[in-house]
Amino acid sequence: MRRMIEKFIPNSVRRLATDERGVSAIEFAMLLPLMVTLYLGSVEVSQGIAADRKVTMTARAVADLASQVSTINNAAMTNVLAAASSVMTPYDVSKAKVTVSLITIDGNSKATITWSDSLNGTARTKGSTVTLPSALLIANSSLVWGETSFTYTPVVGYVISGSLNLKDQIYMRPRLSDTISRTTS
């Protein structure tokens, strides 16, 4: 009986050592968490990049629309700011702050806010001083300043946790005149 046990155990151990059934399942189980993390991470990062691109496009769109006129009234400004909703789609525009301002640069290269309007935010104070890049400080000129900020929260939140504050701005010269007057009618 002892010989039988000695003979049986080594064969069992030898068979177990050479048995390859289930190896793929074990390898898959070991790699699954890494694969899921990579997949969800790439989805979250790509959606974050898309949201950041929408922020840039919104800032550009509102500044571009405002720079195409010589006079802008309340109805036209409402339309300009409403365009932000279209550009931000499919993201929730209520999480975005969009501001359009006119900056006037005087003969001494001092830049101040002439008028400002905002969607979901606070308009800049009329007469407040603005610091501009030196390349934009051209005496006796104006700039349309479009600003957008957006709080992006990932849908899954597996790799990127919390919210990201995305923002962008752009300066444009008025196209039809040296300045753009703001009326209330």
N, C-alpha and C. Protein backbone atom coordinates (compact mmCIF):
# COMPACT_ATOMS: atom_id res chain seq x y z
N MET A 1 0.81 -1.19 0.00
CA MET A 1 0.00 0.00 0.00
C MET A 1 0.87 1.27 0.00
N ARG A 2 1.99 1.20 0.69
CA ARG A 2 2.87 2.35 0.73
C ARG A 2 3.40 2.69 -0.66
N ARG A 3 3.77 1.66 -1.40
CA ARG A 3 4.26 1.89 -2.77
C ARG A 3 3.16 2.49 -3.62
N MET A 4 1.99 2.11 -3.35
CA MET A 4 0.86 2.63 -4.11
C MET A 4 0.68 4.13 -3.84
N ILE A 5 0.79 4.54 -2.59
CA ILE A 5 0.66 5.95 -2.25
C ILE A 5 1.81 6.74 -2.85
N GLU A 6 3.05 6.24 -2.74
CA GLU A 6 4.20 6.93 -3.30
C GLU A 6 4.05 7.09 -4.80
N LYS A 7 3.54 6.06 -5.41
CA LYS A 7 3.36 6.12 -6.84
C LYS A 7 2.24 7.09 -7.22
N PHE A 8 1.20 7.11 -6.44
CA PHE A 8 0.04 7.97 -6.73
C PHE A 8 0.35 9.44 -6.52
N ILE A 9 0.98 9.82 -5.44
CA ILE A 9 1.24 11.22 -5.13
C ILE A 9 2.18 11.85 -6.16
N PRO A 10 3.28 11.25 -6.48
CA PRO A 10 4.13 11.90 -7.48
C PRO A 10 3.42 12.09 -8.83
N ASN A 11 2.61 11.18 -9.26
CA ASN A 11 1.86 11.36 -10.51
C ASN A 11 0.87 12.51 -10.40
N SER A 12 0.22 12.61 -9.28
CA SER A 12 -0.74 13.69 -9.08
C SER A 12 -0.03 15.04 -9.10
N VAL A 13 1.08 15.12 -8.41
CA VAL A 13 1.84 16.36 -8.38
C VAL A 13 2.37 16.68 -9.77
N ARG A 14 2.88 15.67 -10.47
CA ARG A 14 3.39 15.87 -11.82
C ARG A 14 2.27 16.34 -12.75
N ARG A 15 1.11 15.75 -12.65
CA ARG A 15 -0.02 16.16 -13.49
C ARG A 15 -0.46 17.58 -13.16
N LEU A 16 -0.47 17.92 -11.88
CA LEU A 16 -0.86 19.26 -11.47
C LEU A 16 0.13 20.31 -12.00
N ALA A 17 1.40 20.00 -11.97
CA ALA A 17 2.42 20.93 -12.43
C ALA A 17 2.36 21.16 -13.94
N THR A 18 1.92 20.17 -14.67
CA THR A 18 1.87 20.31 -16.13
C THR A 18 0.48 20.68 -16.64
N ASP A 19 -0.50 20.73 -15.77
CA ASP A 19 -1.87 21.07 -16.19
C ASP A 19 -1.96 22.58 -16.49
N GLU A 20 -2.39 22.94 -17.71
CA GLU A 20 -2.48 24.34 -18.12
C GLU A 20 -3.91 24.82 -18.25
N ARG A 21 -4.88 24.02 -17.88
CA ARG A 21 -6.27 24.45 -17.94
C ARG A 21 -6.48 25.54 -16.88
N GLY A 22 -7.14 26.63 -17.26
CA GLY A 22 -7.44 27.71 -16.33
C GLY A 22 -6.38 28.79 -16.24
N VAL A 23 -5.25 28.61 -16.90
CA VAL A 23 -4.20 29.62 -16.84
C VAL A 23 -4.69 30.93 -17.46
N SER A 24 -5.40 30.86 -18.56
CA SER A 24 -5.91 32.06 -19.22
C SER A 24 -6.89 32.80 -18.32
N ALA A 25 -7.72 32.06 -17.62
CA ALA A 25 -8.68 32.70 -16.72
C ALA A 25 -7.96 33.42 -15.58
N ILE A 26 -6.91 32.84 -15.07
CA ILE A 26 -6.15 33.46 -13.98
C ILE A 26 -5.44 34.71 -14.51
N GLU A 27 -4.84 34.63 -15.70
CA GLU A 27 -4.18 35.78 -16.28
C GLU A 27 -5.19 36.91 -16.53
N PHE A 28 -6.36 36.54 -17.04
CA PHE A 28 -7.40 37.54 -17.29
C PHE A 28 -7.83 38.20 -15.99
N ALA A 29 -8.02 37.41 -14.94
CA ALA A 29 -8.42 37.95 -13.64
C ALA A 29 -7.37 38.89 -13.08
N MET A 30 -6.11 38.64 -13.37
CA MET A 30 -5.05 39.50 -12.88
C MET A 30 -4.98 40.81 -13.69
N LEU A 31 -5.27 40.75 -14.98
CA LEU A 31 -5.18 41.93 -15.84
C LEU A 31 -6.46 42.75 -15.89
N LEU A 32 -7.59 42.18 -15.50
CA LEU A 32 -8.88 42.88 -15.60
C LEU A 32 -8.89 44.23 -14.88
N PRO A 33 -8.43 44.34 -13.64
CA PRO A 33 -8.46 45.67 -13.00
C PRO A 33 -7.63 46.72 -13.77
N LEU A 34 -6.49 46.33 -14.29
CA LEU A 34 -5.68 47.25 -15.06
C LEU A 34 -6.38 47.65 -16.35
N MET A 35 -7.00 46.71 -17.03
CA MET A 35 -7.69 47.01 -18.28
C MET A 35 -8.89 47.93 -18.04
N VAL A 36 -9.65 47.69 -16.98
CA VAL A 36 -10.81 48.53 -16.67
C VAL A 36 -10.35 49.95 -16.32
N THR A 37 -9.27 50.05 -15.54
CA THR A 37 -8.73 51.36 -15.18
C THR A 37 -8.27 52.13 -16.42
N LEU A 38 -7.57 51.45 -17.32
CA LEU A 38 -7.12 52.09 -18.55
C LEU A 38 -8.30 52.54 -19.40
N TYR A 39 -9.31 51.71 -19.52
CA TYR A 39 -10.48 52.06 -20.34
C TYR A 39 -11.22 53.26 -19.75
N LEU A 40 -11.56 53.17 -18.46
CA LEU A 40 -12.30 54.27 -17.83
C LEU A 40 -11.47 55.55 -17.79
N GLY A 41 -10.17 55.42 -17.57
CA GLY A 41 -9.30 56.58 -17.58
C GLY A 41 -9.27 57.26 -18.94
N SER A 42 -9.20 56.47 -19.99
CA SER A 42 -9.17 57.07 -21.33
C SER A 42 -10.51 57.73 -21.67
N VAL A 43 -11.61 57.14 -21.22
CA VAL A 43 -12.93 57.76 -21.44
C VAL A 43 -13.02 59.09 -20.69
N GLU A 44 -12.61 59.10 -19.43
CA GLU A 44 -12.70 60.32 -18.63
C GLU A 44 -11.78 61.42 -19.17
N VAL A 45 -10.57 61.05 -19.55
CA VAL A 45 -9.64 62.05 -20.07
C VAL A 45 -10.14 62.61 -21.40
N SER A 46 -10.65 61.74 -22.27
CA SER A 46 -11.13 62.23 -23.57
C SER A 46 -12.36 63.13 -23.40
N GLN A 47 -13.23 62.82 -22.46
CA GLN A 47 -14.37 63.70 -22.21
C GLN A 47 -13.93 65.02 -21.60
N GLY A 48 -12.92 64.99 -20.76
CA GLY A 48 -12.37 66.22 -20.19
C GLY A 48 -11.74 67.10 -21.26
N ILE A 49 -11.03 66.48 -22.20
CA ILE A 49 -10.43 67.23 -23.31
C ILE A 49 -11.53 67.83 -24.19
N ALA A 50 -12.58 67.07 -24.43
CA ALA A 50 -13.70 67.58 -25.23
C ALA A 50 -14.36 68.77 -24.53
N ALA A 51 -14.54 68.70 -23.22
CA ALA A 51 -15.13 69.81 -22.47
C ALA A 51 -14.21 71.04 -22.52
N ASP A 52 -12.91 70.82 -22.40
CA ASP A 52 -11.97 71.94 -22.48
C ASP A 52 -12.01 72.59 -23.86
N ARG A 53 -12.17 71.79 -24.88
CA ARG A 53 -12.27 72.32 -26.25
C ARG A 53 -13.55 73.16 -26.41
N LYS A 54 -14.64 72.70 -25.79
CA LYS A 54 -15.90 73.46 -25.83
C LYS A 54 -15.74 74.81 -25.13
N VAL A 55 -14.99 74.83 -24.04
CA VAL A 55 -14.74 76.09 -23.32
C VAL A 55 -14.01 77.07 -24.23
N THR A 56 -12.98 76.59 -24.92
CA THR A 56 -12.23 77.43 -25.84
C THR A 56 -13.11 77.93 -26.98
N MET A 57 -13.90 77.04 -27.55
CA MET A 57 -14.77 77.43 -28.66
C MET A 57 -15.83 78.43 -28.22
N THR A 58 -16.33 78.31 -26.99
CA THR A 58 -17.34 79.24 -26.48
C THR A 58 -16.75 80.63 -26.30
N ALA A 59 -15.56 80.71 -25.70
CA ALA A 59 -14.91 82.02 -25.53
C ALA A 59 -14.69 82.67 -26.89
N ARG A 60 -14.26 81.90 -27.85
CA ARG A 60 -14.01 82.44 -29.19
C ARG A 60 -15.31 82.86 -29.87
N ALA A 61 -16.35 82.06 -29.73
CA ALA A 61 -17.62 82.35 -30.41
C ALA A 61 -18.25 83.65 -29.90
N VAL A 62 -18.29 83.83 -28.58
CA VAL A 62 -18.94 85.04 -28.06
C VAL A 62 -18.13 86.30 -28.38
N ALA A 63 -16.81 86.20 -28.32
CA ALA A 63 -15.99 87.36 -28.68
C ALA A 63 -16.12 87.66 -30.18
N ASP A 64 -16.15 86.63 -30.98
CA ASP A 64 -16.27 86.80 -32.43
C ASP A 64 -17.60 87.44 -32.79
N LEU A 65 -18.68 86.95 -32.19
CA LEU A 65 -20.00 87.52 -32.49
C LEU A 65 -20.10 88.99 -32.06
N ALA A 66 -19.56 89.30 -30.89
CA ALA A 66 -19.62 90.68 -30.41
C ALA A 66 -18.73 91.62 -31.23
N SER A 67 -17.66 91.11 -31.79
CA SER A 67 -16.72 91.96 -32.53
C SER A 67 -17.21 92.30 -33.94
N GLN A 68 -18.30 91.70 -34.38
CA GLN A 68 -18.78 91.89 -35.75
C GLN A 68 -19.75 93.05 -35.91
N VAL A 69 -19.98 93.81 -34.86
CA VAL A 69 -20.92 94.93 -34.95
C VAL A 69 -20.25 96.21 -34.47
N SER A 70 -20.87 97.35 -34.79
CA SER A 70 -20.34 98.62 -34.28
C SER A 70 -21.15 99.11 -33.08
N THR A 71 -22.39 98.61 -32.96
CA THR A 71 -23.25 98.91 -31.81
C THR A 71 -23.96 97.63 -31.42
N ILE A 72 -24.04 97.41 -30.11
CA ILE A 72 -24.72 96.19 -29.65
C ILE A 72 -25.73 96.58 -28.58
N ASN A 73 -26.96 96.07 -28.72
CA ASN A 73 -28.01 96.39 -27.74
C ASN A 73 -28.30 95.16 -26.87
N ASN A 74 -29.27 95.29 -25.96
CA ASN A 74 -29.58 94.20 -25.03
C ASN A 74 -30.01 92.93 -25.75
N ALA A 75 -30.86 93.08 -26.75
CA ALA A 75 -31.35 91.89 -27.48
C ALA A 75 -30.21 91.17 -28.19
N ALA A 76 -29.34 91.94 -28.82
CA ALA A 76 -28.20 91.33 -29.52
C ALA A 76 -27.24 90.67 -28.53
N MET A 77 -27.03 91.30 -27.38
CA MET A 77 -26.14 90.71 -26.37
C MET A 77 -26.75 89.43 -25.79
N THR A 78 -28.07 89.43 -25.62
CA THR A 78 -28.75 88.22 -25.16
C THR A 78 -28.53 87.09 -26.16
N ASN A 79 -28.60 87.41 -27.45
CA ASN A 79 -28.36 86.41 -28.48
C ASN A 79 -26.92 85.92 -28.49
N VAL A 80 -25.99 86.83 -28.29
CA VAL A 80 -24.57 86.45 -28.24
C VAL A 80 -24.33 85.49 -27.09
N LEU A 81 -24.87 85.82 -25.93
CA LEU A 81 -24.67 84.96 -24.76
C LEU A 81 -25.46 83.65 -24.89
N ALA A 82 -26.59 83.69 -25.58
CA ALA A 82 -27.36 82.46 -25.81
C ALA A 82 -26.61 81.51 -26.75
N ALA A 83 -25.78 82.07 -27.60
CA ALA A 83 -24.97 81.23 -28.49
C ALA A 83 -24.04 80.34 -27.69
N ALA A 84 -23.67 80.78 -26.51
CA ALA A 84 -22.80 79.97 -25.65
C ALA A 84 -23.46 78.64 -25.31
N SER A 85 -24.78 78.65 -25.13
CA SER A 85 -25.50 77.41 -24.84
C SER A 85 -25.38 76.43 -25.99
N SER A 86 -25.48 76.93 -27.21
CA SER A 86 -25.37 76.07 -28.38
C SER A 86 -23.97 75.51 -28.53
N VAL A 87 -22.98 76.35 -28.29
CA VAL A 87 -21.60 75.90 -28.45
C VAL A 87 -21.24 74.89 -27.36
N MET A 88 -21.72 75.08 -26.14
CA MET A 88 -21.37 74.19 -25.03
C MET A 88 -22.07 72.83 -25.09
N THR A 89 -23.07 72.69 -25.94
CA THR A 89 -23.78 71.42 -26.05
C THR A 89 -22.81 70.30 -26.35
N PRO A 90 -22.86 69.18 -25.71
CA PRO A 90 -23.86 68.61 -24.83
C PRO A 90 -23.64 68.87 -23.34
N TYR A 91 -22.70 69.74 -23.01
CA TYR A 91 -22.40 70.01 -21.60
C TYR A 91 -23.39 71.03 -21.04
N ASP A 92 -23.61 70.97 -19.75
CA ASP A 92 -24.58 71.81 -19.06
C ASP A 92 -24.06 73.25 -18.97
N VAL A 93 -24.68 74.15 -19.70
CA VAL A 93 -24.22 75.54 -19.73
C VAL A 93 -24.43 76.25 -18.40
N SER A 94 -25.28 75.70 -17.54
CA SER A 94 -25.47 76.34 -16.23
C SER A 94 -24.21 76.21 -15.36
N LYS A 95 -23.30 75.32 -15.72
CA LYS A 95 -22.03 75.18 -15.00
C LYS A 95 -20.94 76.06 -15.61
N ALA A 96 -21.31 76.82 -16.65
CA ALA A 96 -20.35 77.69 -17.34
C ALA A 96 -20.61 79.14 -17.00
N LYS A 97 -19.55 79.91 -16.92
CA LYS A 97 -19.64 81.36 -16.76
C LYS A 97 -19.01 81.96 -18.01
N VAL A 98 -19.82 82.73 -18.73
CA VAL A 98 -19.38 83.33 -19.98
C VAL A 98 -19.49 84.84 -19.85
N THR A 99 -18.39 85.53 -20.14
CA THR A 99 -18.37 86.99 -20.02
C THR A 99 -17.81 87.59 -21.31
N VAL A 100 -18.48 88.63 -21.77
CA VAL A 100 -18.01 89.40 -22.94
C VAL A 100 -17.84 90.84 -22.47
N SER A 101 -16.66 91.39 -22.74
CA SER A 101 -16.36 92.76 -22.30
C SER A 101 -15.68 93.52 -23.43
N LEU A 102 -15.83 94.84 -23.40
CA LEU A 102 -15.08 95.69 -24.31
C LEU A 102 -14.02 96.41 -23.49
N ILE A 103 -12.79 96.28 -23.92
CA ILE A 103 -11.67 96.96 -23.26
C ILE A 103 -11.25 98.13 -24.15
N THR A 104 -11.15 99.31 -23.56
CA THR A 104 -10.69 100.49 -24.28
C THR A 104 -9.30 100.83 -23.78
N ILE A 105 -8.38 101.03 -24.72
CA ILE A 105 -7.00 101.37 -24.39
C ILE A 105 -6.81 102.84 -24.77
N ASP A 106 -6.49 103.68 -23.77
CA ASP A 106 -6.36 105.12 -24.03
C ASP A 106 -4.98 105.46 -24.61
N GLY A 107 -4.73 106.75 -24.79
CA GLY A 107 -3.47 107.22 -25.36
C GLY A 107 -2.25 106.89 -24.52
N ASN A 108 -2.44 106.66 -23.22
CA ASN A 108 -1.34 106.29 -22.32
C ASN A 108 -1.20 104.78 -22.16
N SER A 109 -1.89 104.03 -23.01
CA SER A 109 -1.89 102.56 -22.98
C SER A 109 -2.47 101.99 -21.69
N LYS A 110 -3.44 102.72 -21.12
CA LYS A 110 -4.15 102.22 -19.95
C LYS A 110 -5.41 101.52 -20.44
N ALA A 111 -5.58 100.27 -20.07
CA ALA A 111 -6.72 99.47 -20.52
C ALA A 111 -7.79 99.42 -19.43
N THR A 112 -9.03 99.79 -19.81
CA THR A 112 -10.14 99.77 -18.87
C THR A 112 -11.37 99.12 -19.52
N ILE A 113 -12.25 98.63 -18.68
CA ILE A 113 -13.49 98.01 -19.14
C ILE A 113 -14.49 99.12 -19.51
N THR A 114 -15.00 99.07 -20.74
CA THR A 114 -16.01 100.04 -21.19
C THR A 114 -17.40 99.51 -20.90
N TRP A 115 -17.65 98.26 -21.23
CA TRP A 115 -18.90 97.59 -20.89
C TRP A 115 -18.63 96.10 -20.76
N SER A 116 -19.52 95.41 -20.07
CA SER A 116 -19.34 93.98 -19.86
C SER A 116 -20.70 93.33 -19.59
N ASP A 117 -20.90 92.14 -20.12
CA ASP A 117 -22.10 91.35 -19.88
C ASP A 117 -21.69 89.91 -19.59
N SER A 118 -22.51 89.21 -18.82
CA SER A 118 -22.14 87.86 -18.43
C SER A 118 -23.35 86.92 -18.40
N LEU A 119 -23.09 85.67 -18.66
CA LEU A 119 -24.07 84.59 -18.54
C LEU A 119 -23.63 83.71 -17.39
N ASN A 120 -24.49 83.55 -16.38
CA ASN A 120 -24.22 82.71 -15.20
C ASN A 120 -23.04 83.21 -14.37
N GLY A 121 -22.66 84.44 -14.53
CA GLY A 121 -21.53 84.98 -13.78
C GLY A 121 -21.74 86.44 -13.48
N THR A 122 -20.68 87.10 -13.13
CA THR A 122 -20.72 88.52 -12.82
C THR A 122 -19.96 89.29 -13.90
N ALA A 123 -20.63 90.28 -14.45
CA ALA A 123 -19.98 91.12 -15.46
C ALA A 123 -18.85 91.91 -14.80
N ARG A 124 -17.86 92.24 -15.59
CA ARG A 124 -16.74 93.04 -15.08
C ARG A 124 -17.22 94.47 -14.82
N THR A 125 -16.62 95.12 -13.86
CA THR A 125 -17.02 96.46 -13.46
C THR A 125 -16.55 97.49 -14.48
N LYS A 126 -17.49 98.33 -14.91
CA LYS A 126 -17.18 99.39 -15.88
C LYS A 126 -16.14 100.32 -15.27
N GLY A 127 -15.11 100.61 -16.04
CA GLY A 127 -14.05 101.50 -15.59
C GLY A 127 -12.90 100.81 -14.88
N SER A 128 -13.04 99.53 -14.58
CA SER A 128 -11.95 98.83 -13.89
C SER A 128 -10.77 98.62 -14.84
N THR A 129 -9.58 98.66 -14.27
CA THR A 129 -8.35 98.52 -15.05
C THR A 129 -8.08 97.05 -15.33
N VAL A 130 -7.56 96.80 -16.54
CA VAL A 130 -7.26 95.44 -16.97
C VAL A 130 -5.78 95.37 -17.35
N THR A 131 -5.13 94.31 -16.96
CA THR A 131 -3.75 94.08 -17.37
C THR A 131 -3.75 93.22 -18.62
N LEU A 132 -3.15 93.74 -19.67
CA LEU A 132 -3.11 93.04 -20.96
C LEU A 132 -1.67 92.69 -21.33
N PRO A 133 -1.50 91.69 -22.17
CA PRO A 133 -0.16 91.44 -22.71
C PRO A 133 0.33 92.67 -23.47
N SER A 134 1.61 92.95 -23.41
CA SER A 134 2.14 94.17 -24.01
C SER A 134 1.90 94.24 -25.52
N ALA A 135 1.83 93.12 -26.19
CA ALA A 135 1.60 93.11 -27.63
C ALA A 135 0.21 93.64 -27.99
N LEU A 136 -0.72 93.60 -27.05
CA LEU A 136 -2.09 94.05 -27.30
C LEU A 136 -2.33 95.51 -26.91
N LEU A 137 -1.37 96.10 -26.22
CA LEU A 137 -1.53 97.48 -25.74
C LEU A 137 -1.23 98.47 -26.85
N ILE A 138 -2.19 98.67 -27.73
CA ILE A 138 -2.08 99.65 -28.81
C ILE A 138 -2.92 100.85 -28.41
N ALA A 139 -2.27 101.99 -28.30
CA ALA A 139 -2.94 103.20 -27.83
C ALA A 139 -4.13 103.56 -28.71
N ASN A 140 -5.18 104.06 -28.07
CA ASN A 140 -6.41 104.51 -28.73
C ASN A 140 -7.06 103.41 -29.57
N SER A 141 -7.19 102.25 -28.96
CA SER A 141 -7.86 101.13 -29.64
C SER A 141 -8.77 100.41 -28.65
N SER A 142 -9.48 99.41 -29.16
CA SER A 142 -10.39 98.63 -28.33
C SER A 142 -10.18 97.14 -28.59
N LEU A 143 -10.58 96.34 -27.61
CA LEU A 143 -10.54 94.88 -27.74
C LEU A 143 -11.82 94.29 -27.18
N VAL A 144 -12.33 93.29 -27.84
CA VAL A 144 -13.44 92.51 -27.28
C VAL A 144 -12.79 91.34 -26.55
N TRP A 145 -13.20 91.16 -25.30
CA TRP A 145 -12.61 90.14 -24.45
C TRP A 145 -13.67 89.08 -24.15
N GLY A 146 -13.46 87.88 -24.64
CA GLY A 146 -14.37 86.76 -24.36
C GLY A 146 -13.74 85.84 -23.34
N GLU A 147 -14.48 85.53 -22.29
CA GLU A 147 -13.97 84.64 -21.23
C GLU A 147 -15.00 83.55 -20.95
N THR A 148 -14.52 82.34 -20.75
CA THR A 148 -15.40 81.24 -20.38
C THR A 148 -14.71 80.40 -19.32
N SER A 149 -15.46 80.04 -18.29
CA SER A 149 -14.98 79.07 -17.31
C SER A 149 -16.08 78.03 -17.13
N PHE A 150 -15.68 76.80 -16.86
CA PHE A 150 -16.62 75.69 -16.79
C PHE A 150 -16.13 74.69 -15.75
N THR A 151 -17.03 74.24 -14.90
CA THR A 151 -16.70 73.22 -13.92
C THR A 151 -17.08 71.86 -14.50
N TYR A 152 -16.07 71.06 -14.82
CA TYR A 152 -16.29 69.74 -15.42
C TYR A 152 -16.18 68.66 -14.36
N THR A 153 -17.22 67.86 -14.25
CA THR A 153 -17.23 66.72 -13.34
C THR A 153 -17.34 65.46 -14.18
N PRO A 154 -16.36 64.54 -14.07
CA PRO A 154 -16.40 63.32 -14.87
C PRO A 154 -17.66 62.50 -14.57
N VAL A 155 -18.19 61.86 -15.61
CA VAL A 155 -19.41 61.06 -15.45
C VAL A 155 -19.15 59.86 -14.55
N VAL A 156 -18.04 59.17 -14.78
CA VAL A 156 -17.74 57.96 -14.01
C VAL A 156 -17.00 58.31 -12.72
N GLY A 157 -15.99 59.14 -12.79
CA GLY A 157 -15.24 59.54 -11.61
C GLY A 157 -14.36 58.45 -11.04
N TYR A 158 -13.93 57.51 -11.88
CA TYR A 158 -13.11 56.38 -11.41
C TYR A 158 -11.63 56.75 -11.37
N VAL A 159 -11.15 57.40 -12.41
CA VAL A 159 -9.74 57.78 -12.48
C VAL A 159 -9.55 59.24 -12.09
N ILE A 160 -10.39 60.12 -12.64
CA ILE A 160 -10.35 61.54 -12.30
C ILE A 160 -11.44 61.78 -11.26
N SER A 161 -11.04 62.08 -10.05
CA SER A 161 -12.04 62.31 -9.00
C SER A 161 -12.18 63.81 -8.77
N GLY A 162 -13.36 64.21 -8.38
CA GLY A 162 -13.62 65.62 -8.14
C GLY A 162 -13.95 66.35 -9.42
N SER A 163 -13.89 67.66 -9.37
CA SER A 163 -14.22 68.51 -10.51
C SER A 163 -12.98 69.22 -11.02
N LEU A 164 -13.00 69.52 -12.32
CA LEU A 164 -11.92 70.28 -12.93
C LEU A 164 -12.47 71.64 -13.33
N ASN A 165 -11.74 72.70 -13.01
CA ASN A 165 -12.15 74.04 -13.41
C ASN A 165 -11.42 74.40 -14.69
N LEU A 166 -12.16 74.41 -15.78
CA LEU A 166 -11.60 74.71 -17.10
C LEU A 166 -11.91 76.16 -17.43
N LYS A 167 -10.96 76.85 -18.04
CA LYS A 167 -11.23 78.24 -18.44
C LYS A 167 -10.35 78.61 -19.61
N ASP A 168 -10.84 79.60 -20.36
CA ASP A 168 -10.09 80.13 -21.49
C ASP A 168 -10.58 81.55 -21.77
N GLN A 169 -9.77 82.30 -22.49
CA GLN A 169 -10.11 83.67 -22.85
C GLN A 169 -9.50 83.99 -24.20
N ILE A 170 -10.07 85.01 -24.84
CA ILE A 170 -9.54 85.45 -26.12
C ILE A 170 -9.82 86.94 -26.27
N TYR A 171 -8.92 87.62 -26.95
CA TYR A 171 -9.08 89.04 -27.27
C TYR A 171 -9.23 89.16 -28.78
N MET A 172 -10.18 89.99 -29.21
CA MET A 172 -10.38 90.25 -30.64
C MET A 172 -10.57 91.74 -30.86
N ARG A 173 -10.11 92.22 -31.99
CA ARG A 173 -10.31 93.61 -32.38
C ARG A 173 -11.70 93.77 -32.99
N PRO A 174 -12.38 94.88 -32.73
CA PRO A 174 -13.65 95.14 -33.42
C PRO A 174 -13.41 95.20 -34.93
N ARG A 175 -14.36 94.69 -35.69
CA ARG A 175 -14.17 94.58 -37.13
C ARG A 175 -14.69 95.76 -37.93
N LEU A 176 -15.82 96.33 -37.50
CA LEU A 176 -16.47 97.37 -38.32
C LEU A 176 -16.10 98.79 -37.92
N SER A 177 -15.57 98.95 -36.74
CA SER A 177 -15.23 100.29 -36.26
C SER A 177 -14.11 100.16 -35.23
N ASP A 178 -13.64 101.30 -34.74
CA ASP A 178 -12.56 101.27 -33.74
C ASP A 178 -13.05 100.79 -32.38
N THR A 179 -14.34 100.96 -32.12
CA THR A 179 -14.92 100.57 -30.84
C THR A 179 -16.34 100.05 -31.08
N ILE A 180 -16.90 99.48 -30.04
CA ILE A 180 -18.28 98.97 -30.12
C ILE A 180 -19.06 99.65 -29.00
N SER A 181 -20.09 100.38 -29.38
CA SER A 181 -20.89 101.05 -28.35
C SER A 181 -21.98 100.08 -27.86
N ARG A 182 -22.31 100.20 -26.59
CA ARG A 182 -23.30 99.32 -25.95
C ARG A 182 -24.51 100.16 -25.61
N THR A 183 -25.66 99.82 -26.18
CA THR A 183 -26.91 100.53 -25.89
C THR A 183 -27.86 99.62 -25.13
N THR A 184 -28.84 100.21 -24.49
CA THR A 184 -29.80 99.43 -23.72
C THR A 184 -31.08 99.17 -24.49
N SER A 185 -31.24 99.77 -25.63
CA SER A 185 -32.50 99.61 -26.38
C SER A 185 -32.50 98.35 -27.21
